[in-house]
């Protein structure tokens, strides 16, 4: 077991120069000598350990050899992937809507609004005709029950005609 970074000749020079102190009996206390060696000796390129350490990459050199990863590019790439994923999701939804429209499951909102407006207009016109149609009949009646029956029958007749027309439109 030797001193950290030291050769036999180097240790002998350290003893001769007083950087490492011998015990009174002439021996060298390893722990004290190692501490003195580390404290008083600068590593040189000639020492075996220094050459070994120079051959081994340190952490910063190791990091320098690793491929450089541009974190901004990674974030951009991630944002790009996220954007592309959103785009693909929307395109899938549009494709599904187009398929459902061609399959007859979906219709354009403007077509629905136009048809609904036509239906409401027809119902309104039929209801507005009732007073003119019912006035002569109701004028001859004196009982409220009879008036109710006549009004009820005309409303039901108008609704039945609307239903028949709607069923005919659906069949066409």
Protein backbone atom coordinates (compact mmCIF):
# COMPACT_ATOMS: atom_id res chain seq x y z
CA UNK A 1 0.00 0.00 0.00
CA UNK A 2 1.54 3.30 -1.07
CA UNK A 3 0.85 6.94 -0.67
CA UNK A 4 -1.81 8.47 -2.89
CA UNK A 5 -0.16 9.48 -6.13
CA UNK A 6 3.37 8.67 -4.96
CA UNK A 7 6.22 6.51 -6.27
CA UNK A 8 9.00 5.09 -4.10
CA UNK A 9 11.43 7.71 -5.38
CA UNK A 10 8.92 10.47 -4.82
CA UNK A 11 8.27 9.36 -1.24
CA UNK A 12 12.03 9.17 -0.60
CA UNK A 13 12.44 12.73 -1.91
CA UNK A 14 9.54 13.87 0.31
CA UNK A 15 11.24 12.33 3.37
CA UNK A 16 14.58 13.92 2.43
CA UNK A 17 12.98 17.35 1.98
CA UNK A 18 10.99 17.07 5.23
CA UNK A 19 7.55 16.97 3.63
CA UNK A 20 7.07 13.56 5.25
CA UNK A 21 8.44 13.15 8.80
CA UNK A 22 9.83 9.84 10.17
CA UNK A 23 8.95 8.58 13.63
CA UNK A 24 11.65 8.56 16.35
CA UNK A 25 12.37 4.89 15.65
CA UNK A 26 12.95 5.70 11.92
CA UNK A 27 9.66 4.19 10.73
CA UNK A 28 6.98 6.04 8.79
CA UNK A 29 3.41 6.18 10.13
CA UNK A 30 1.34 5.55 7.01
CA UNK A 31 -1.65 7.68 8.05
CA UNK A 32 0.47 10.68 8.99
CA UNK A 33 2.65 10.26 5.90
CA UNK A 34 -0.36 10.03 3.59
CA UNK A 35 -1.92 13.17 5.12
CA UNK A 36 1.41 15.01 4.85
CA UNK A 37 1.89 13.77 1.29
CA UNK A 38 -1.55 15.01 0.19
CA UNK A 39 -1.06 18.33 1.98
CA UNK A 40 2.50 19.06 0.91
CA UNK A 41 2.85 17.47 -2.53
CA UNK A 42 1.37 18.82 -5.72
CA UNK A 43 0.59 16.10 -8.26
CA UNK A 44 2.90 16.24 -11.25
CA UNK A 45 2.63 14.72 -14.67
CA UNK A 46 5.62 12.52 -13.78
CA UNK A 47 3.89 10.72 -10.95
CA UNK A 48 2.24 7.44 -11.86
CA UNK A 49 -1.10 8.43 -10.32
CA UNK A 50 -1.06 11.80 -12.04
CA UNK A 51 -0.42 10.09 -15.38
CA UNK A 52 -3.21 7.60 -14.59
CA UNK A 53 -5.58 10.38 -13.65
CA UNK A 54 -4.65 12.30 -16.80
CA UNK A 55 -5.52 9.22 -18.84
CA UNK A 56 -8.91 8.89 -17.13
CA UNK A 57 -11.52 11.45 -18.16
CA UNK A 58 -13.01 13.43 -15.33
CA UNK A 59 -16.71 14.19 -15.06
CA UNK A 60 -16.54 17.45 -17.00
CA UNK A 61 -14.51 15.83 -19.79
CA UNK A 62 -16.94 12.92 -19.85
CA UNK A 63 -19.84 15.35 -20.11
CA UNK A 64 -18.03 17.16 -22.93
CA UNK A 65 -17.76 13.91 -24.90
CA UNK A 66 -21.45 13.12 -24.62
CA UNK A 67 -23.61 14.28 -27.50
CA UNK A 68 -24.91 17.75 -26.91
CA UNK A 69 -28.66 17.72 -26.46
CA UNK A 70 -30.25 21.03 -27.21
CA UNK A 71 -32.92 21.33 -24.54
CA UNK A 72 -34.71 24.06 -26.49
CA UNK A 73 -34.84 21.70 -29.47
CA UNK A 74 -36.23 18.97 -27.24
CA UNK A 75 -38.92 21.33 -25.97
CA UNK A 76 -39.62 22.47 -29.52
CA UNK A 77 -39.72 18.88 -30.68
CA UNK A 78 -42.11 18.08 -27.87
CA UNK A 79 -44.27 21.07 -28.80
CA UNK A 80 -44.10 19.99 -32.43
CA UNK A 81 -45.19 16.45 -31.54
CA UNK A 82 -48.01 17.86 -29.43
CA UNK A 83 -49.12 20.15 -32.25
CA UNK A 84 -48.95 17.31 -34.76
CA UNK A 85 -50.96 15.09 -32.44
CA UNK A 86 -53.67 17.77 -32.12
CA UNK A 87 -53.74 18.20 -35.89
CA UNK A 88 -54.07 14.46 -36.46
CA UNK A 89 -56.89 14.30 -33.90
CA UNK A 90 -58.82 17.07 -35.63
CA UNK A 91 -58.28 15.50 -39.05
CA UNK A 92 -59.65 12.21 -37.71
CA UNK A 93 -62.74 14.00 -36.38
CA UNK A 94 -63.28 15.75 -39.72
CA UNK A 95 -62.94 12.46 -41.58
CA UNK A 96 -65.49 10.86 -39.26
CA UNK A 97 -67.93 13.76 -39.73
CA UNK A 98 -67.56 13.56 -43.51
CA UNK A 99 -68.22 9.81 -43.40
CA UNK A 100 -71.32 10.26 -41.22
CA UNK A 101 -72.61 13.02 -43.53
CA UNK A 102 -72.22 10.80 -46.59
CA UNK A 103 -73.86 7.91 -44.73
CA UNK A 104 -76.87 10.15 -44.12
CA UNK A 105 -76.40 10.34 -40.35
CA UNK A 106 -75.63 14.08 -40.38
CA UNK A 107 -77.14 17.02 -42.23
CA UNK A 108 -76.05 20.63 -42.54
CA UNK A 109 -77.36 22.99 -39.89
CA UNK A 110 -78.58 25.43 -42.55
CA UNK A 111 -80.70 22.65 -44.11
CA UNK A 112 -82.26 21.84 -40.73
CA UNK A 113 -82.99 25.52 -40.04
CA UNK A 114 -84.60 25.95 -43.46
CA UNK A 115 -86.79 22.85 -43.04
CA UNK A 116 -87.78 23.75 -39.46
CA UNK A 117 -88.74 27.25 -40.61
CA UNK A 118 -90.96 25.74 -43.31
CA UNK A 119 -92.65 23.39 -40.83
CA UNK A 120 -93.30 26.19 -38.33
CA UNK A 121 -94.69 28.40 -41.09
CA UNK A 122 -97.10 25.66 -42.18
CA UNK A 123 -98.32 25.08 -38.60
CA UNK A 124 -98.77 28.81 -38.05
CA UNK A 125 -100.80 29.20 -41.25
CA UNK A 126 -103.04 26.25 -40.38
CA UNK A 127 -103.73 27.62 -36.90
CA UNK A 128 -104.50 31.08 -38.26
CA UNK A 129 -107.12 29.58 -40.61
CA UNK A 130 -109.08 28.05 -37.73
CA UNK A 131 -110.97 31.19 -36.63
CA UNK A 132 -112.27 31.89 -40.13
CA UNK A 133 -113.28 28.27 -40.56
CA UNK A 134 -114.88 27.95 -37.11
CA UNK A 135 -116.68 31.31 -36.83
CA UNK A 136 -119.82 30.37 -38.83
CA UNK A 137 -120.19 27.04 -37.02
CA UNK A 138 -119.66 28.52 -33.56
CA UNK A 139 -122.13 31.40 -34.22
CA UNK A 140 -124.99 28.94 -34.53
CA UNK A 141 -124.14 27.11 -31.27
CA UNK A 142 -125.43 28.18 -27.88
CA UNK A 143 -123.87 25.58 -25.57
CA UNK A 144 -120.24 25.92 -24.45
CA UNK A 145 -119.77 22.12 -24.61
CA UNK A 146 -120.76 22.05 -28.24
CA UNK A 147 -118.31 24.95 -28.99
CA UNK A 148 -115.52 23.00 -27.27
CA UNK A 149 -116.23 19.88 -29.32
CA UNK A 150 -116.14 21.79 -32.62
CA UNK A 151 -112.87 23.60 -31.75
CA UNK A 152 -111.28 20.34 -30.55
CA UNK A 153 -112.28 18.47 -33.72
CA UNK A 154 -110.88 21.20 -36.03
CA UNK A 155 -107.55 21.41 -34.16
CA UNK A 156 -107.17 17.61 -34.27
CA UNK A 157 -108.02 17.58 -37.98
CA UNK A 158 -105.39 20.29 -38.72
CA UNK A 159 -102.73 18.39 -36.71
CA UNK A 160 -103.57 15.11 -38.45
CA UNK A 161 -103.18 16.76 -41.86
CA UNK A 162 -99.77 18.20 -40.79
CA UNK A 163 -98.67 14.74 -39.60
CA UNK A 164 -99.74 13.13 -42.91
CA UNK A 165 -97.81 15.76 -44.87
CA UNK A 166 -94.71 15.25 -42.70
CA UNK A 167 -94.90 11.47 -43.16
CA UNK A 168 -95.22 11.96 -46.92
CA UNK A 169 -92.12 14.27 -46.88
CA UNK A 170 -90.12 11.68 -44.95
CA UNK A 171 -91.12 8.90 -47.35
CA UNK A 172 -90.00 10.96 -50.35
